[in-house]
Amino acid sequence: MKSIFQRETRMKSKAKTIGSTDPTQPGTAVEESERLLKSTHEQEIRNRAYEIYLQRRAGSGFEVEDWLQAEREVTTQSSN
């Protein structure tokens, strides 16, 4: 059985990691922000690729081309 001291030390260590602002630590606000930006960017690409698909009258076989075109368009728009 672990001593109270060992449990308290482990809990303090976890609390430091969770509350950390060090961008190299997992679960930080910086990491979360980057993950959300990537997720939003990917969703924009997905939506644009679907629009391109519909413009082609929902013809299959061009999924990769649609995605790459959407990626170029969204990336160009976000850099302007």
C-alpha atoms as a PDB file:
ATOM      1  CA  MET A   1       0.000   0.000   0.000  1.00  0.00           C
ATOM      2  CA  LYS A   2       1.328   3.430  -0.922  1.00  0.00           C
ATOM      3  CA  SER A   3       2.012   5.895   1.807  1.00  0.00           C
ATOM      4  CA  ILE A   4       0.112   9.144   2.068  1.00  0.00           C
ATOM      5  CA  PHE A   5       3.316  11.006   1.225  1.00  0.00           C
ATOM      6  CA  GLN A   6       3.739   9.078  -2.057  1.00  0.00           C
ATOM      7  CA  ARG A   7       0.127   9.748  -3.068  1.00  0.00           C
ATOM      8  CA  GLU A   8       0.382  13.464  -2.218  1.00  0.00           C
ATOM      9  CA  THR A   9       3.625  13.786  -4.171  1.00  0.00           C
ATOM     10  CA  ARG A  10       2.090  12.084  -7.197  1.00  0.00           C
ATOM     11  CA  MET A  11      -1.013  14.280  -6.984  1.00  0.00           C
ATOM     12  CA  LYS A  12       1.101  17.458  -6.784  1.00  0.00           C
ATOM     13  CA  SER A  13       3.086  16.344  -9.807  1.00  0.00           C
ATOM     14  CA  LYS A  14      -0.119  15.758 -11.797  1.00  0.00           C
ATOM     15  CA  ALA A  15      -1.505  19.131 -10.733  1.00  0.00           C
ATOM     16  CA  LYS A  16       1.655  20.881 -11.955  1.00  0.00           C
ATOM     17  CA  THR A  17       1.410  19.146 -15.329  1.00  0.00           C
ATOM     18  CA  ILE A  18      -2.302  19.854 -15.748  1.00  0.00           C
ATOM     19  CA  GLY A  19      -1.937  23.528 -14.805  1.00  0.00           C
ATOM     20  CA  SER A  20       1.246  23.992 -16.798  1.00  0.00           C
ATOM     21  CA  THR A  21       1.595  26.684 -19.436  1.00  0.00           C
ATOM     22  CA  ASP A  22       4.707  25.054 -20.895  1.00  0.00           C
ATOM     23  CA  PRO A  23       3.877  24.466 -24.584  1.00  0.00           C
ATOM     24  CA  THR A  24       5.925  21.262 -24.581  1.00  0.00           C
ATOM     25  CA  GLN A  25       3.616  19.649 -22.019  1.00  0.00           C
ATOM     26  CA  PRO A  26       0.683  17.659 -23.398  1.00  0.00           C
ATOM     27  CA  GLY A  27      -2.761  19.030 -22.693  1.00  0.00           C
ATOM     28  CA  THR A  28      -1.726  22.674 -22.506  1.00  0.00           C
ATOM     29  CA  ALA A  29      -3.824  25.553 -23.729  1.00  0.00           C
ATOM     30  CA  VAL A  30      -1.417  26.072 -26.622  1.00  0.00           C
ATOM     31  CA  GLU A  31      -1.770  22.465 -27.731  1.00  0.00           C
ATOM     32  CA  GLU A  32      -5.544  22.636 -27.412  1.00  0.00           C
ATOM     33  CA  SER A  33      -5.667  25.842 -29.446  1.00  0.00           C
ATOM     34  CA  GLU A  34      -3.522  24.317 -32.194  1.00  0.00           C
ATOM     35  CA  ARG A  35      -5.699  21.218 -32.250  1.00  0.00           C
ATOM     36  CA  LEU A  36      -8.850  23.310 -32.616  1.00  0.00           C
ATOM     37  CA  LEU A  37      -7.328  25.397 -35.409  1.00  0.00           C
ATOM     38  CA  LYS A  38      -6.297  22.251 -37.265  1.00  0.00           C
ATOM     39  CA  SER A  39      -9.742  20.757 -36.733  1.00  0.00           C
ATOM     40  CA  THR A  40     -11.449  23.911 -38.024  1.00  0.00           C
ATOM     41  CA  HIS A  41      -9.109  24.082 -41.019  1.00  0.00           C
ATOM     42  CA  GLU A  42      -9.765  20.436 -41.834  1.00  0.00           C
ATOM     43  CA  GLN A  43     -13.521  20.976 -41.560  1.00  0.00           C
ATOM     44  CA  GLU A  44     -13.304  23.905 -43.987  1.00  0.00           C
ATOM     45  CA  ILE A  45     -11.449  21.684 -46.447  1.00  0.00           C
ATOM     46  CA  ARG A  46     -14.000  18.907 -45.991  1.00  0.00           C
ATOM     47  CA  ASN A  47     -16.885  21.310 -46.631  1.00  0.00           C
ATOM     48  CA  ARG A  48     -15.239  22.764 -49.734  1.00  0.00           C
ATOM     49  CA  ALA A  49     -14.421  19.289 -51.089  1.00  0.00           C
ATOM     50  CA  TYR A  50     -18.084  18.372 -50.690  1.00  0.00           C
ATOM     51  CA  GLU A  51     -19.133  21.523 -52.571  1.00  0.00           C
ATOM     52  CA  ILE A  52     -16.770  20.579 -55.407  1.00  0.00           C
ATOM     53  CA  TYR A  53     -18.233  17.056 -55.401  1.00  0.00           C
ATOM     54  CA  LEU A  54     -21.750  18.473 -55.708  1.00  0.00           C
ATOM     55  CA  GLN A  55     -20.657  20.812 -58.509  1.00  0.00           C
ATOM     56  CA  ARG A  56     -19.522  17.734 -60.436  1.00  0.00           C
ATOM     57  CA  ARG A  57     -23.054  16.372 -59.983  1.00  0.00           C
ATOM     58  CA  ALA A  58     -21.943  13.920 -57.292  1.00  0.00           C
ATOM     59  CA  GLY A  59     -19.819  11.829 -59.630  1.00  0.00           C
ATOM     60  CA  SER A  60     -17.587   9.378 -57.817  1.00  0.00           C
ATOM     61  CA  GLY A  61     -13.964   8.549 -58.516  1.00  0.00           C
ATOM     62  CA  PHE A  62     -12.483  12.017 -57.954  1.00  0.00           C
ATOM     63  CA  GLU A  63     -12.381  12.167 -54.162  1.00  0.00           C
ATOM     64  CA  VAL A  64      -8.628  12.783 -53.941  1.00  0.00           C
ATOM     65  CA  GLU A  65      -8.710  15.476 -56.624  1.00  0.00           C
ATOM     66  CA  ASP A  66     -11.649  17.178 -54.882  1.00  0.00           C
ATOM     67  CA  TRP A  67      -9.824  17.102 -51.553  1.00  0.00           C
ATOM     68  CA  LEU A  68      -6.581  18.464 -53.001  1.00  0.00           C
ATOM     69  CA  GLN A  69      -8.391  21.252 -54.842  1.00  0.00           C
ATOM     70  CA  ALA A  70     -10.308  22.156 -51.697  1.00  0.00           C
ATOM     71  CA  GLU A  71      -7.102  22.110 -49.672  1.00  0.00           C
ATOM     72  CA  ARG A  72      -5.423  24.499 -52.125  1.00  0.00           C
ATOM     73  CA  GLU A  73      -8.391  26.856 -52.133  1.00  0.00           C
ATOM     74  CA  VAL A  74      -8.851  26.933 -48.368  1.00  0.00           C
ATOM     75  CA  THR A  75      -5.117  27.328 -47.737  1.00  0.00           C
ATOM     76  CA  THR A  76      -4.904  30.174 -50.257  1.00  0.00           C
ATOM     77  CA  GLN A  77      -7.909  31.913 -48.675  1.00  0.00           C
ATOM     78  CA  SER A  78      -6.520  31.605 -45.143  1.00  0.00           C
ATOM     79  CA  SER A  79      -3.100  32.992 -46.150  1.00  0.00           C
ATOM     80  CA  ASN A  80      -4.622  36.151 -47.703  1.00  0.00           C
END
